[in-house]
Amino acid sequence: MKKNNILDEAVRLSLDSYFADLGDTEPNDLYDMVVGCVERPLLAVAMQRANNNQSRAALMLGVTRNTLRKKLLAHKLI
């Protein structure tokens, strides 16, 4: 497996497990659930690697500082 596919594979395996656990039940709000599960640790790691400097973390993530701040607040990371 190539390094750039590790995250992709982890998400796929997690989703396979999630659907197996659901059985015949239809999922709800799957997109928001997955984005929320990935976004929170992504923001936390970016902030840690940027030494809690929001401008540096925003640059690293490719978003504006205002967008980053809104997401940090939404995930209760600040």
C-alpha atoms as a PDB file:
ATOM      1  CA  MET A   1       0.000   0.000   0.000  1.00  0.00           C
ATOM      2  CA  LYS A   2       1.345   3.431  -0.917  1.00  0.00           C
ATOM      3  CA  LYS A   3       1.763   5.925   1.921  1.00  0.00           C
ATOM      4  CA  ASN A   4      -0.761   8.348   0.417  1.00  0.00           C
ATOM      5  CA  ASN A   5      -3.401   5.602   0.458  1.00  0.00           C
ATOM      6  CA  ILE A   6      -3.074   4.736   4.152  1.00  0.00           C
ATOM      7  CA  LEU A   7      -5.695   7.247   5.259  1.00  0.00           C
ATOM      8  CA  ASP A   8      -7.984   6.271   2.397  1.00  0.00           C
ATOM      9  CA  GLU A   9      -7.730   2.605   3.362  1.00  0.00           C
ATOM     10  CA  ALA A  10      -8.330   3.341   7.044  1.00  0.00           C
ATOM     11  CA  VAL A  11     -11.501   5.264   6.195  1.00  0.00           C
ATOM     12  CA  ARG A  12     -12.714   2.496   3.896  1.00  0.00           C
ATOM     13  CA  LEU A  13     -12.111  -0.185   6.541  1.00  0.00           C
ATOM     14  CA  SER A  14     -13.879   1.910   9.174  1.00  0.00           C
ATOM     15  CA  LEU A  15     -16.860   2.437   6.874  1.00  0.00           C
ATOM     16  CA  ASP A  16     -17.022  -1.273   6.057  1.00  0.00           C
ATOM     17  CA  SER A  17     -17.104  -2.022   9.780  1.00  0.00           C
ATOM     18  CA  TYR A  18     -19.724   0.698  10.361  1.00  0.00           C
ATOM     19  CA  PHE A  19     -22.015  -0.728   7.659  1.00  0.00           C
ATOM     20  CA  ALA A  20     -21.503  -4.265   8.955  1.00  0.00           C
ATOM     21  CA  ASP A  21     -22.542  -3.098  12.434  1.00  0.00           C
ATOM     22  CA  LEU A  22     -25.623  -1.390  10.983  1.00  0.00           C
ATOM     23  CA  GLY A  23     -26.846  -4.553   9.314  1.00  0.00           C
ATOM     24  CA  ASP A  24     -30.090  -3.759   7.465  1.00  0.00           C
ATOM     25  CA  THR A  25     -30.499  -0.370   9.138  1.00  0.00           C
ATOM     26  CA  GLU A  26     -30.099   2.594   6.787  1.00  0.00           C
ATOM     27  CA  PRO A  27     -27.456   5.137   7.831  1.00  0.00           C
ATOM     28  CA  ASN A  28     -28.396   8.761   8.503  1.00  0.00           C
ATOM     29  CA  ASP A  29     -26.191  11.844   8.070  1.00  0.00           C
ATOM     30  CA  LEU A  30     -23.261   9.688   7.007  1.00  0.00           C
ATOM     31  CA  TYR A  31     -21.426  12.557   5.313  1.00  0.00           C
ATOM     32  CA  ASP A  32     -21.551  14.820   8.377  1.00  0.00           C
ATOM     33  CA  MET A  33     -20.546  11.939  10.634  1.00  0.00           C
ATOM     34  CA  VAL A  34     -17.468  11.047   8.567  1.00  0.00           C
ATOM     35  CA  VAL A  35     -16.385  14.650   8.027  1.00  0.00           C
ATOM     36  CA  GLY A  36     -16.783  15.346  11.744  1.00  0.00           C
ATOM     37  CA  CYS A  37     -14.763  12.274  12.691  1.00  0.00           C
ATOM     38  CA  VAL A  38     -11.923  13.220  10.355  1.00  0.00           C
ATOM     39  CA  GLU A  39     -12.028  16.989  10.746  1.00  0.00           C
ATOM     40  CA  ARG A  40     -11.602  17.154  14.526  1.00  0.00           C
ATOM     41  CA  PRO A  41      -8.343  15.162  14.720  1.00  0.00           C
ATOM     42  CA  LEU A  42      -7.080  16.899  11.569  1.00  0.00           C
ATOM     43  CA  LEU A  43      -7.562  20.300  13.195  1.00  0.00           C
ATOM     44  CA  ALA A  44      -6.051  19.142  16.488  1.00  0.00           C
ATOM     45  CA  VAL A  45      -2.936  17.744  14.801  1.00  0.00           C
ATOM     46  CA  ALA A  46      -2.508  20.830  12.616  1.00  0.00           C
ATOM     47  CA  MET A  47      -2.743  23.085  15.670  1.00  0.00           C
ATOM     48  CA  GLN A  48      -0.258  20.916  17.562  1.00  0.00           C
ATOM     49  CA  ARG A  49       2.223  20.910  14.661  1.00  0.00           C
ATOM     50  CA  ALA A  50       1.828  24.692  14.350  1.00  0.00           C
ATOM     51  CA  ASN A  51       2.437  25.165  18.097  1.00  0.00           C
ATOM     52  CA  ASN A  52      -1.139  26.489  18.447  1.00  0.00           C
ATOM     53  CA  ASN A  53      -0.452  29.277  15.958  1.00  0.00           C
ATOM     54  CA  GLN A  54      -3.742  29.596  14.074  1.00  0.00           C
ATOM     55  CA  SER A  55      -2.208  31.452  11.130  1.00  0.00           C
ATOM     56  CA  ARG A  56       0.394  28.716  10.595  1.00  0.00           C
ATOM     57  CA  ALA A  57      -2.175  25.943  11.038  1.00  0.00           C
ATOM     58  CA  ALA A  58      -4.542  27.630   8.572  1.00  0.00           C
ATOM     59  CA  LEU A  59      -1.755  27.887   6.018  1.00  0.00           C
ATOM     60  CA  MET A  60      -0.861  24.238   6.583  1.00  0.00           C
ATOM     61  CA  LEU A  61      -4.514  23.230   6.040  1.00  0.00           C
ATOM     62  CA  GLY A  62      -5.106  25.519   3.076  1.00  0.00           C
ATOM     63  CA  VAL A  63      -7.942  27.469   4.716  1.00  0.00           C
ATOM     64  CA  THR A  64      -8.264  31.020   5.965  1.00  0.00           C
ATOM     65  CA  ARG A  65      -7.560  31.780   9.600  1.00  0.00           C
ATOM     66  CA  ASN A  66     -11.202  32.790  10.067  1.00  0.00           C
ATOM     67  CA  THR A  67     -12.399  29.464   8.667  1.00  0.00           C
ATOM     68  CA  LEU A  68      -9.982  27.602  10.906  1.00  0.00           C
ATOM     69  CA  ARG A  69     -11.129  29.554  13.946  1.00  0.00           C
ATOM     70  CA  LYS A  70     -14.806  28.771  13.212  1.00  0.00           C
ATOM     71  CA  LYS A  71     -13.984  25.079  12.846  1.00  0.00           C
ATOM     72  CA  LEU A  72     -11.900  25.058  16.049  1.00  0.00           C
ATOM     73  CA  LEU A  73     -14.791  26.647  17.926  1.00  0.00           C
ATOM     74  CA  ALA A  74     -17.320  24.230  16.393  1.00  0.00           C
ATOM     75  CA  HIS A  75     -15.216  21.268  17.534  1.00  0.00           C
ATOM     76  CA  LYS A  76     -14.561  22.873  20.934  1.00  0.00           C
ATOM     77  CA  LEU A  77     -10.810  22.869  20.362  1.00  0.00           C
ATOM     78  CA  ILE A  78     -10.435  26.445  21.614  1.00  0.00           C
END
